[in-house]
Amino acid sequence: MRKPYHICISGGDELICRSEDDYHRLFNCIALSVHETDSVLLADAEMSSHAHLGVRTEDPLEMASRAWLMYSRYFNRKYGRQGRLGEESPFVLELEGIHHILAAICYILRNPLHHGLSSTPFGYRFSSANVYFRKELGKWLDEDLLQEKSYYKHLPRLTSYPPNYKMTQSGVYLRETVIDVAEVENMFLTPRSYIYYMNRLSGEEWKSEQEKDRNQQPPVTLDLIEKGISLHSLDKMLSNEYGRSRKSMSDIEICSIIDRQIVPELGRSSVYMLNEHEVSDAIRYLSQTCSISEFQARRCLAASYPRGSR
């Protein structure tokens, strides 16, 4: 029996997406795993260091592990990296009751807002926030589809996918063809209700609403779901809900400078090929020129990855 779950896959101290292609490949791997395990994807949000999923599945660990294995192989091959990527196992929370499920889906879609990456959930590209009530909210498909003969360039080798999966010119599966949009829309009932939930601030109202389900699971809250994701303090994430966070350079922008400028200038093939001395110099350079924290610079340089004396 397929049950609803919230799943969080984390890179730990390391980024899992360094470029737009990485975000797209991660979603493609999730979509393939959904198909292979006969699961249903309800919502998704891919971040630079972790990904949140709302799914109906018989085995959440199997579904997440398949997606992660496919993606890890791609990531390691692309960046000349070795070893396990990210944490050993994902965070899994079984969802019970309509309010519990709704809260989890809302959290997933609002996650970019919590991390200060957009002023609304709708301004973030790597999530499913814009696939629900598309017609009613005036959101139209604006990217041409890719010819199926070219799909293989953006997928693992020797993989199969259902005929209803369509891919855009950017090399990512069109979310409307992967996600059960109708089921999620039925939960929110109306476009106005959906917009309300996307703009609703965190607070006790969310907890009391979930108590109506009378289940044995803990309520979905920001501190529960973000446990182990050391990107912001809880207070900072709650403050970001107002959509007034100071705009700073994102991880993907910093990684672009590293991978397209710093790494080539040092004659390396990947950020993972830099030695300790080069990483230290790059941290100082990025901190000074990009006005970012040392923490963000270290994260984008994969400073926690063990390095030899190259």
Protein backbone atom coordinates (compact mmCIF):
# COMPACT_ATOMS: atom_id res chain seq x y z
CA MET A 1 0.00 0.00 0.00
CA ARG A 2 1.39 3.40 -0.98
CA LYS A 3 1.50 5.76 1.97
CA PRO A 4 2.35 9.48 1.98
CA TYR A 5 5.82 10.53 3.20
CA HIS A 6 8.00 13.57 3.46
CA ILE A 7 11.58 12.74 2.43
CA CYS A 8 14.66 14.95 2.80
CA ILE A 9 17.89 13.97 1.04
CA SER A 10 20.89 15.94 2.31
CA GLY A 11 24.47 16.46 1.20
CA GLY A 12 25.53 17.09 4.78
CA ASP A 13 28.49 19.50 4.73
CA GLU A 14 28.72 19.31 0.94
CA LEU A 15 26.70 20.75 -1.92
CA ILE A 16 24.83 18.32 -4.13
CA CYS A 17 23.98 20.78 -6.94
CA ARG A 18 26.59 23.14 -8.38
CA SER A 19 24.92 24.12 -11.66
CA GLU A 20 21.53 24.31 -13.33
CA ASP A 21 22.26 21.02 -15.09
CA ASP A 22 22.80 19.40 -11.68
CA TYR A 23 19.40 20.55 -10.42
CA HIS A 24 17.78 19.22 -13.58
CA ARG A 25 19.58 15.87 -13.40
CA LEU A 26 18.62 15.44 -9.75
CA PHE A 27 14.94 15.93 -10.58
CA ASN A 28 15.23 13.53 -13.51
CA CYS A 29 16.70 10.88 -11.20
CA ILE A 30 13.86 11.46 -8.74
CA ALA A 31 11.32 11.10 -11.56
CA LEU A 32 12.92 7.85 -12.75
CA SER A 33 12.92 6.43 -9.24
CA VAL A 34 9.25 7.38 -8.82
CA HIS A 35 8.51 5.37 -11.97
CA GLU A 36 10.71 2.39 -11.06
CA THR A 37 9.17 2.02 -7.59
CA ASP A 38 5.58 2.64 -8.73
CA SER A 39 5.41 5.68 -6.46
CA VAL A 40 3.53 8.97 -6.82
CA LEU A 41 5.32 12.32 -6.60
CA LEU A 42 3.23 15.07 -5.00
CA ALA A 43 5.75 17.90 -4.53
CA ASP A 44 9.48 18.61 -4.77
CA ALA A 45 12.07 21.30 -4.08
CA GLU A 46 15.74 20.82 -4.94
CA MET A 47 18.23 23.03 -3.13
CA SER A 48 22.00 23.31 -3.46
CA SER A 49 22.62 21.12 -0.41
CA HIS A 50 19.44 19.07 0.00
CA ALA A 51 16.13 18.12 -1.57
CA HIS A 52 12.62 17.81 -0.11
CA LEU A 53 10.04 15.44 -1.58
CA GLY A 54 6.41 14.65 -0.91
CA VAL A 55 5.59 11.15 -2.19
CA ARG A 56 3.18 8.27 -1.96
CA THR A 57 5.19 5.07 -1.96
CA GLU A 58 5.37 1.57 -0.51
CA ASP A 59 9.03 1.93 0.44
CA PRO A 60 10.34 5.49 0.95
CA LEU A 61 13.92 4.36 1.60
CA GLU A 62 14.01 2.34 -1.61
CA MET A 63 12.54 5.18 -3.62
CA ALA A 64 15.01 7.72 -2.20
CA SER A 65 17.99 5.35 -2.45
CA ARG A 66 17.39 4.61 -6.12
CA ALA A 67 17.22 8.29 -6.98
CA TRP A 68 20.28 9.08 -4.90
CA LEU A 69 22.37 6.26 -6.38
CA MET A 70 21.63 7.41 -9.92
CA TYR A 71 22.41 11.00 -9.08
CA SER A 72 25.55 10.23 -7.07
CA ARG A 73 27.02 8.33 -10.00
CA TYR A 74 26.36 11.31 -12.26
CA PHE A 75 27.80 13.80 -9.76
CA ASN A 76 30.95 11.80 -9.03
CA ARG A 77 31.61 11.19 -12.71
CA LYS A 78 31.05 14.83 -13.66
CA TYR A 79 33.30 16.28 -10.95
CA GLY A 80 35.91 13.53 -10.65
CA ARG A 81 34.75 12.86 -7.13
CA GLN A 82 34.94 9.57 -5.22
CA GLY A 83 33.00 8.02 -2.36
CA ARG A 84 29.49 8.34 -0.96
CA LEU A 85 27.79 11.66 -1.61
CA GLY A 86 25.85 13.16 1.27
CA GLU A 87 24.37 11.60 4.35
CA GLU A 88 24.05 7.85 4.74
CA SER A 89 20.26 7.80 4.88
CA PRO A 90 17.48 10.31 4.17
CA PHE A 91 15.10 11.86 6.68
CA VAL A 92 11.70 10.18 6.33
CA LEU A 93 8.46 11.24 8.01
CA GLU A 94 5.27 9.29 7.44
CA LEU A 95 2.30 11.61 6.91
CA GLU A 96 -1.12 10.81 8.35
CA GLY A 97 -4.23 12.86 7.63
CA ILE A 98 -5.05 15.63 5.19
CA HIS A 99 -3.73 18.47 7.36
CA HIS A 100 -0.47 16.65 8.03
CA ILE A 101 0.03 16.05 4.30
CA LEU A 102 -0.90 19.64 3.42
CA ALA A 103 1.56 21.03 5.96
CA ALA A 104 4.37 18.89 4.53
CA ILE A 105 3.61 19.92 0.95
CA CYS A 106 3.48 23.58 1.96
CA TYR A 107 6.78 23.27 3.75
CA ILE A 108 8.40 21.67 0.70
CA LEU A 109 7.16 24.38 -1.66
CA ARG A 110 8.05 27.20 0.76
CA ASN A 111 11.56 25.87 1.46
CA PRO A 112 13.29 28.24 -1.01
CA LEU A 113 11.56 31.12 0.76
CA HIS A 114 12.83 29.90 4.12
CA HIS A 115 16.38 29.80 2.77
CA GLY A 116 16.12 33.32 1.37
CA LEU A 117 16.41 32.21 -2.25
CA SER A 118 13.20 33.88 -3.41
CA SER A 119 10.71 36.37 -2.03
CA THR A 120 7.81 33.98 -2.75
CA PRO A 121 7.63 30.22 -3.38
CA PHE A 122 6.71 30.98 -7.00
CA GLY A 123 10.01 32.73 -7.75
CA TYR A 124 12.15 29.61 -7.41
CA ARG A 125 12.79 27.52 -10.52
CA PHE A 126 13.74 24.18 -8.99
CA SER A 127 10.48 23.21 -7.32
CA SER A 128 6.92 22.27 -8.22
CA ALA A 129 5.33 25.43 -6.78
CA ASN A 130 4.26 26.64 -10.23
CA VAL A 131 2.63 23.45 -11.51
CA TYR A 132 -0.59 23.60 -9.46
CA PHE A 133 -3.58 25.67 -10.63
CA ARG A 134 -1.45 26.79 -13.56
CA LYS A 135 -4.37 27.91 -15.71
CA GLU A 136 -6.19 29.71 -12.90
CA LEU A 137 -3.05 31.56 -11.80
CA GLY A 138 -2.05 32.51 -15.33
CA LYS A 139 1.10 30.35 -15.42
CA TRP A 140 1.67 29.03 -18.91
CA LEU A 141 4.30 26.67 -20.26
CA ASP A 142 6.99 28.89 -21.81
CA GLU A 143 9.69 26.43 -22.87
CA ASP A 144 9.65 24.16 -25.91
CA LEU A 145 9.83 20.42 -25.46
CA LEU A 146 12.89 18.40 -26.41
CA GLN A 147 12.68 15.73 -29.07
CA GLU A 148 12.58 12.31 -27.43
CA LYS A 149 15.60 11.11 -29.38
CA SER A 150 17.72 13.54 -27.33
CA TYR A 151 16.44 12.52 -23.89
CA TYR A 152 19.35 10.12 -23.36
CA LYS A 153 21.78 13.03 -23.00
CA HIS A 154 20.12 14.00 -19.72
CA LEU A 155 19.47 10.57 -18.22
CA PRO A 156 21.49 7.68 -16.77
CA ARG A 157 22.50 5.01 -19.26
CA LEU A 158 20.17 2.11 -20.01
CA THR A 159 17.22 3.62 -18.20
CA SER A 160 13.53 3.40 -19.01
CA TYR A 161 10.79 5.93 -18.45
CA PRO A 162 7.02 6.05 -19.04
CA PRO A 163 5.74 7.51 -22.32
CA ASN A 164 3.91 10.33 -20.54
CA TYR A 165 7.19 11.83 -19.24
CA LYS A 166 8.08 14.80 -21.42
CA MET A 167 11.33 16.77 -21.30
CA THR A 168 12.01 20.45 -21.90
CA GLN A 169 14.81 21.94 -23.99
CA SER A 170 16.71 22.48 -20.72
CA GLY A 171 16.99 18.72 -20.28
CA VAL A 172 14.62 18.33 -17.33
CA TYR A 173 11.40 16.38 -17.19
CA LEU A 174 8.36 18.62 -17.35
CA ARG A 175 7.04 18.48 -13.80
CA GLU A 176 3.41 18.38 -14.90
CA THR A 177 4.11 15.00 -16.55
CA VAL A 178 5.73 13.54 -13.43
CA ILE A 179 3.77 14.98 -10.50
CA ASP A 180 0.19 14.04 -9.61
CA VAL A 181 -1.02 17.62 -9.93
CA ALA A 182 -4.71 16.72 -9.64
CA GLU A 183 -4.28 15.04 -6.24
CA VAL A 184 -2.51 18.05 -4.77
CA GLU A 185 -5.03 20.50 -6.23
CA ASN A 186 -7.84 18.47 -4.66
CA MET A 187 -6.15 18.88 -1.27
CA PHE A 188 -6.04 22.67 -1.58
CA LEU A 189 -9.50 22.76 -3.20
CA THR A 190 -9.18 26.23 -4.78
CA PRO A 191 -6.43 28.47 -6.23
CA ARG A 192 -7.21 31.08 -3.56
CA SER A 193 -6.67 28.51 -0.82
CA TYR A 194 -3.37 27.48 -2.43
CA ILE A 195 -2.13 31.08 -2.53
CA TYR A 196 -3.20 31.54 1.09
CA TYR A 197 -1.16 28.55 2.25
CA MET A 198 1.86 29.64 0.24
CA ASN A 199 1.82 33.05 1.96
CA ARG A 200 0.84 31.91 5.44
CA LEU A 201 3.43 32.50 8.16
CA SER A 202 4.66 29.73 10.42
CA GLY A 203 3.12 29.56 13.87
CA GLU A 204 0.91 27.67 16.29
CA GLU A 205 -1.96 27.74 13.80
CA TRP A 206 -0.14 25.17 11.68
CA LYS A 207 0.28 22.84 14.67
CA SER A 208 -3.32 23.16 15.88
CA GLU A 209 -4.59 22.49 12.37
CA GLN A 210 -2.59 19.26 12.17
CA GLU A 211 -3.94 18.14 15.54
CA LYS A 212 -7.33 17.71 13.86
CA ASP A 213 -5.94 14.59 12.15
CA ARG A 214 -5.45 12.91 15.57
CA ASN A 215 -2.45 10.92 14.36
CA GLN A 216 0.59 9.65 16.22
CA GLN A 217 3.13 11.55 14.10
CA PRO A 218 4.82 14.78 15.19
CA PRO A 219 3.43 17.91 13.50
CA VAL A 220 5.33 19.19 10.50
CA THR A 221 7.33 22.19 11.68
CA LEU A 222 10.34 24.06 10.37
CA ASP A 223 12.68 22.89 13.11
CA LEU A 224 11.66 19.24 12.64
CA ILE A 225 12.08 19.10 8.88
CA GLU A 226 15.26 21.21 8.79
CA LYS A 227 16.99 19.17 11.48
CA GLY A 228 20.56 18.57 10.29
CA ILE A 229 20.44 21.19 7.51
CA SER A 230 22.97 23.72 8.83
CA LEU A 231 22.38 26.59 6.43
CA HIS A 232 20.53 29.14 8.54
CA SER A 233 19.36 29.55 12.09
CA LEU A 234 15.70 28.86 12.69
CA ASP A 235 15.10 32.54 13.50
CA LYS A 236 16.69 33.58 10.21
CA MET A 237 14.55 31.14 8.25
CA LEU A 238 11.38 32.37 9.93
CA SER A 239 12.41 35.96 9.18
CA ASN A 240 12.84 35.04 5.52
CA GLU A 241 9.14 34.14 5.34
CA TYR A 242 8.36 37.84 5.04
CA GLY A 243 10.20 37.89 1.70
CA ARG A 244 12.40 40.80 2.70
CA SER A 245 15.72 39.00 3.16
CA ARG A 246 18.82 40.81 1.92
CA LYS A 247 19.71 39.58 -1.57
CA SER A 248 23.11 37.90 -1.56
CA MET A 249 24.90 35.66 -4.01
CA SER A 250 23.42 32.18 -4.16
CA ASP A 251 25.41 28.96 -4.02
CA ILE A 252 24.82 28.36 -7.72
CA GLU A 253 26.26 31.80 -8.54
CA ILE A 254 29.33 31.20 -6.35
CA CYS A 255 29.83 27.73 -7.82
CA SER A 256 29.72 29.22 -11.31
CA ILE A 257 32.64 31.51 -10.42
CA ILE A 258 34.54 28.59 -8.92
CA ASP A 259 33.92 26.08 -11.69
CA ARG A 260 34.23 28.47 -14.65
CA GLN A 261 36.92 30.84 -13.40
CA ILE A 262 38.95 29.69 -10.41
CA VAL A 263 39.26 26.00 -11.28
CA PRO A 264 40.35 26.58 -14.93
CA GLU A 265 42.82 29.31 -13.91
CA LEU A 266 44.49 26.85 -11.54
CA GLY A 267 44.68 24.25 -14.28
CA ARG A 268 42.39 21.81 -12.49
CA SER A 269 39.56 19.79 -13.99
CA SER A 270 37.22 20.11 -11.01
CA VAL A 271 36.83 21.79 -7.64
CA TYR A 272 37.52 18.37 -6.15
CA MET A 273 40.99 18.40 -7.68
CA LEU A 274 42.09 21.52 -5.79
CA ASN A 275 44.62 20.97 -3.01
CA GLU A 276 44.34 22.39 0.51
CA HIS A 277 46.47 25.44 -0.28
CA GLU A 278 44.40 26.29 -3.36
CA VAL A 279 41.17 25.88 -1.42
CA SER A 280 42.42 28.23 1.31
CA ASP A 281 43.42 30.87 -1.26
CA ALA A 282 40.05 30.54 -3.00
CA ILE A 283 38.18 30.97 0.29
CA ARG A 284 39.96 34.26 0.96
CA TYR A 285 39.38 35.44 -2.62
CA LEU A 286 35.65 34.66 -2.58
CA SER A 287 35.11 36.12 0.88
CA GLN A 288 36.70 39.40 -0.19
CA THR A 289 35.44 39.81 -3.75
CA CYS A 290 31.94 38.36 -3.43
CA SER A 291 31.15 39.60 0.08
CA ILE A 292 30.04 36.16 1.25
CA SER A 293 30.70 34.36 4.50
CA GLU A 294 33.60 31.99 4.91
CA PHE A 295 31.02 29.28 5.64
CA GLN A 296 29.40 29.71 2.22
CA ALA A 297 32.78 29.90 0.48
CA ARG A 298 33.92 26.67 2.15
CA ARG A 299 30.69 24.92 1.28
CA CYS A 300 30.87 25.90 -2.38
CA LEU A 301 34.54 24.84 -2.54
CA ALA A 302 33.73 21.42 -1.03
CA ALA A 303 36.30 22.20 1.65
CA SER A 304 35.12 19.29 3.81
CA TYR A 305 36.03 16.79 1.09
CA PRO A 306 39.31 14.96 1.96
CA ARG A 307 42.15 15.99 -0.34
CA GLY A 308 45.59 14.66 -1.08
CA SER A 309 48.77 16.62 -1.70
CA ARG A 310 48.20 17.39 -5.35
